[in-house]
């Protein structure tokens, strides 16, 4: 885990669309979903516990910075982690919280059917 490797805080990278904000497909720049109260509550709890929160999204910081401030979303960095430098673009984190993520089980042959059936939480209706 990154915090063990470099003595930093535990870190979570949180996706914007579909986790922080409701999402039912891209509607254009600046069209942002309503904040998810359950996610805001948990992010505030993690922040109070000392976790470093990184916003990890394909949207630009300029597009969502006002939204994050307006809705009181705690975060330290945007699409980067200055505690743990890499040569790539993915910020190092202990946890990646994303509505489109699938957790590798350790055996890809067992994962393939779950990957084929995967739906985001909002697409499971």
C-alpha atoms as a PDB file:
ATOM      1  CA  UNK A   1       0.000   0.000   0.000  1.00  0.00           C
ATOM      2  CA  UNK A   2       1.294   3.426  -0.873  1.00  0.00           C
ATOM      3  CA  UNK A   3       1.057   4.847   2.635  1.00  0.00           C
ATOM      4  CA  UNK A   4       3.262   2.035   3.979  1.00  0.00           C
ATOM      5  CA  UNK A   5       5.822   2.506   1.208  1.00  0.00           C
ATOM      6  CA  UNK A   6       6.424   6.203   1.774  1.00  0.00           C
ATOM      7  CA  UNK A   7       5.075   7.033   5.229  1.00  0.00           C
ATOM      8  CA  UNK A   8       2.130   9.069   3.891  1.00  0.00           C
ATOM      9  CA  UNK A   9      -1.528   8.985   4.860  1.00  0.00           C
ATOM     10  CA  UNK A  10      -3.934   6.334   3.598  1.00  0.00           C
ATOM     11  CA  UNK A  11      -5.211   7.565   0.257  1.00  0.00           C
ATOM     12  CA  UNK A  12      -8.427   7.103  -1.698  1.00  0.00           C
ATOM     13  CA  UNK A  13      -8.871   8.155  -5.328  1.00  0.00           C
ATOM     14  CA  UNK A  14     -12.551   8.889  -5.955  1.00  0.00           C
ATOM     15  CA  UNK A  15     -14.258   9.078  -9.333  1.00  0.00           C
ATOM     16  CA  UNK A  16     -16.468  12.110  -9.894  1.00  0.00           C
ATOM     17  CA  UNK A  17     -19.202  10.933 -12.301  1.00  0.00           C
ATOM     18  CA  UNK A  18     -21.167   8.032 -10.864  1.00  0.00           C
ATOM     19  CA  UNK A  19     -19.676   8.212  -7.376  1.00  0.00           C
ATOM     20  CA  UNK A  20     -19.548  11.809  -6.099  1.00  0.00           C
ATOM     21  CA  UNK A  21     -22.211  12.979  -8.568  1.00  0.00           C
ATOM     22  CA  UNK A  22     -25.158  11.089 -10.037  1.00  0.00           C
ATOM     23  CA  UNK A  23     -24.447  10.084 -13.604  1.00  0.00           C
ATOM     24  CA  UNK A  24     -26.592   8.737 -16.413  1.00  0.00           C
ATOM     25  CA  UNK A  25     -24.286   9.359 -19.337  1.00  0.00           C
ATOM     26  CA  UNK A  26     -22.235  12.272 -20.567  1.00  0.00           C
ATOM     27  CA  UNK A  27     -24.408  15.299 -21.368  1.00  0.00           C
ATOM     28  CA  UNK A  28     -21.654  17.791 -22.199  1.00  0.00           C
ATOM     29  CA  UNK A  29     -19.133  19.968 -20.413  1.00  0.00           C
ATOM     30  CA  UNK A  30     -20.394  21.512 -17.208  1.00  0.00           C
ATOM     31  CA  UNK A  31     -23.490  19.284 -17.034  1.00  0.00           C
ATOM     32  CA  UNK A  32     -22.983  17.671 -13.640  1.00  0.00           C
ATOM     33  CA  UNK A  33     -25.252  15.367 -11.665  1.00  0.00           C
ATOM     34  CA  UNK A  34     -26.562  15.983  -8.174  1.00  0.00           C
ATOM     35  CA  UNK A  35     -24.198  15.155  -5.335  1.00  0.00           C
ATOM     36  CA  UNK A  36     -24.724  11.776  -3.658  1.00  0.00           C
ATOM     37  CA  UNK A  37     -25.340  12.433   0.063  1.00  0.00           C
ATOM     38  CA  UNK A  38     -24.122   8.971   1.105  1.00  0.00           C
ATOM     39  CA  UNK A  39     -20.806   9.519  -0.674  1.00  0.00           C
ATOM     40  CA  UNK A  40     -20.354  12.997   0.818  1.00  0.00           C
ATOM     41  CA  UNK A  41     -20.996  11.544   4.273  1.00  0.00           C
ATOM     42  CA  UNK A  42     -18.399   8.807   3.810  1.00  0.00           C
ATOM     43  CA  UNK A  43     -15.806  11.160   2.303  1.00  0.00           C
ATOM     44  CA  UNK A  44     -16.209  13.486   5.284  1.00  0.00           C
ATOM     45  CA  UNK A  45     -15.766  10.532   7.666  1.00  0.00           C
ATOM     46  CA  UNK A  46     -12.643   9.339   5.845  1.00  0.00           C
ATOM     47  CA  UNK A  47     -11.260  12.874   5.795  1.00  0.00           C
ATOM     48  CA  UNK A  48     -11.873  13.173   9.561  1.00  0.00           C
ATOM     49  CA  UNK A  49      -9.999   9.864  10.008  1.00  0.00           C
ATOM     50  CA  UNK A  50      -7.011  11.398   8.226  1.00  0.00           C
ATOM     51  CA  UNK A  51      -7.355   9.871   4.770  1.00  0.00           C
ATOM     52  CA  UNK A  52      -6.013  11.819   1.818  1.00  0.00           C
ATOM     53  CA  UNK A  53      -8.729  12.221  -0.813  1.00  0.00           C
ATOM     54  CA  UNK A  54      -7.862  12.562  -4.482  1.00  0.00           C
ATOM     55  CA  UNK A  55     -10.483  13.356  -7.106  1.00  0.00           C
ATOM     56  CA  UNK A  56      -9.728  10.999 -10.001  1.00  0.00           C
ATOM     57  CA  UNK A  57     -11.774  11.802 -13.093  1.00  0.00           C
ATOM     58  CA  UNK A  58     -11.600  12.350 -16.828  1.00  0.00           C
ATOM     59  CA  UNK A  59     -13.187  15.773 -16.318  1.00  0.00           C
ATOM     60  CA  UNK A  60     -10.878  18.724 -15.858  1.00  0.00           C
ATOM     61  CA  UNK A  61     -10.398  20.379 -12.498  1.00  0.00           C
ATOM     62  CA  UNK A  62     -11.684  23.671 -13.928  1.00  0.00           C
ATOM     63  CA  UNK A  63     -14.958  21.947 -14.768  1.00  0.00           C
ATOM     64  CA  UNK A  64     -15.695  20.528 -11.303  1.00  0.00           C
ATOM     65  CA  UNK A  65     -13.759  22.684  -8.783  1.00  0.00           C
ATOM     66  CA  UNK A  66     -16.676  25.028  -8.057  1.00  0.00           C
ATOM     67  CA  UNK A  67     -19.045  22.054  -7.708  1.00  0.00           C
ATOM     68  CA  UNK A  68     -16.720  20.383  -5.194  1.00  0.00           C
ATOM     69  CA  UNK A  69     -16.458  23.578  -3.121  1.00  0.00           C
ATOM     70  CA  UNK A  70     -20.190  24.322  -3.338  1.00  0.00           C
ATOM     71  CA  UNK A  71     -21.112  20.861  -2.081  1.00  0.00           C
ATOM     72  CA  UNK A  72     -18.388  20.615   0.567  1.00  0.00           C
ATOM     73  CA  UNK A  73     -16.540  17.684  -0.995  1.00  0.00           C
ATOM     74  CA  UNK A  74     -13.273  17.279   0.919  1.00  0.00           C
ATOM     75  CA  UNK A  75     -10.201  16.615  -1.209  1.00  0.00           C
ATOM     76  CA  UNK A  76      -6.515  17.429  -1.257  1.00  0.00           C
ATOM     77  CA  UNK A  77      -5.526  16.824  -4.860  1.00  0.00           C
ATOM     78  CA  UNK A  78      -6.976  16.380  -8.302  1.00  0.00           C
ATOM     79  CA  UNK A  79      -5.778  13.549 -10.592  1.00  0.00           C
ATOM     80  CA  UNK A  80      -2.403  13.400  -8.828  1.00  0.00           C
ATOM     81  CA  UNK A  81      -0.766  12.381  -5.570  1.00  0.00           C
ATOM     82  CA  UNK A  82       2.202  14.549  -4.640  1.00  0.00           C
ATOM     83  CA  UNK A  83       3.073  12.145  -1.779  1.00  0.00           C
ATOM     84  CA  UNK A  84       3.981   9.431  -4.240  1.00  0.00           C
ATOM     85  CA  UNK A  85       5.521  10.518  -7.552  1.00  0.00           C
ATOM     86  CA  UNK A  86       5.253   8.265 -10.602  1.00  0.00           C
ATOM     87  CA  UNK A  87       6.060   8.634 -14.266  1.00  0.00           C
ATOM     88  CA  UNK A  88       2.504   7.724 -15.261  1.00  0.00           C
ATOM     89  CA  UNK A  89      -0.745   9.661 -15.077  1.00  0.00           C
ATOM     90  CA  UNK A  90      -2.624   7.440 -12.598  1.00  0.00           C
ATOM     91  CA  UNK A  91      -2.331   8.787  -9.043  1.00  0.00           C
ATOM     92  CA  UNK A  92      -1.122   6.255  -6.494  1.00  0.00           C
ATOM     93  CA  UNK A  93      -3.807   5.387  -3.930  1.00  0.00           C
ATOM     94  CA  UNK A  94      -4.622   2.610  -1.502  1.00  0.00           C
ATOM     95  CA  UNK A  95      -8.209   2.463  -2.764  1.00  0.00           C
ATOM     96  CA  UNK A  96      -9.800   3.498  -6.078  1.00  0.00           C
ATOM     97  CA  UNK A  97     -13.522   4.193  -5.686  1.00  0.00           C
ATOM     98  CA  UNK A  98     -15.148   4.112  -9.103  1.00  0.00           C
ATOM     99  CA  UNK A  99     -18.552   3.080 -10.439  1.00  0.00           C
ATOM    100  CA  UNK A 100     -16.907   1.355 -13.419  1.00  0.00           C
ATOM    101  CA  UNK A 101     -14.269  -0.621 -11.536  1.00  0.00           C
ATOM    102  CA  UNK A 102     -14.015  -4.381 -11.388  1.00  0.00           C
ATOM    103  CA  UNK A 103     -11.750  -5.902  -8.773  1.00  0.00           C
ATOM    104  CA  UNK A 104      -9.330  -8.529 -10.074  1.00  0.00           C
ATOM    105  CA  UNK A 105      -9.841 -11.770  -8.127  1.00  0.00           C
ATOM    106  CA  UNK A 106      -6.380 -13.180  -8.739  1.00  0.00           C
ATOM    107  CA  UNK A 107      -7.668 -15.513 -11.465  1.00  0.00           C
ATOM    108  CA  UNK A 108      -8.683 -13.837 -14.728  1.00  0.00           C
ATOM    109  CA  UNK A 109     -10.284 -17.044 -16.021  1.00  0.00           C
ATOM    110  CA  UNK A 110     -12.761 -16.865 -13.148  1.00  0.00           C
ATOM    111  CA  UNK A 111     -13.331 -13.131 -13.712  1.00  0.00           C
ATOM    112  CA  UNK A 112     -14.257 -13.247 -17.392  1.00  0.00           C
ATOM    113  CA  UNK A 113     -17.967 -13.995 -17.000  1.00  0.00           C
ATOM    114  CA  UNK A 114     -18.352 -11.332 -14.328  1.00  0.00           C
ATOM    115  CA  UNK A 115     -16.573  -8.863 -16.611  1.00  0.00           C
ATOM    116  CA  UNK A 116     -18.942  -9.707 -19.448  1.00  0.00           C
ATOM    117  CA  UNK A 117     -21.996  -9.199 -17.188  1.00  0.00           C
ATOM    118  CA  UNK A 118     -20.662  -6.072 -15.462  1.00  0.00           C
ATOM    119  CA  UNK A 119     -22.992  -3.075 -15.192  1.00  0.00           C
ATOM    120  CA  UNK A 120     -22.446   0.162 -13.292  1.00  0.00           C
ATOM    121  CA  UNK A 121     -24.646   0.534 -10.230  1.00  0.00           C
ATOM    122  CA  UNK A 122     -26.799   3.053 -12.116  1.00  0.00           C
ATOM    123  CA  UNK A 123     -27.131   0.682 -15.091  1.00  0.00           C
ATOM    124  CA  UNK A 124     -28.525  -2.213 -13.084  1.00  0.00           C
ATOM    125  CA  UNK A 125     -32.163  -1.147 -13.224  1.00  0.00           C
END
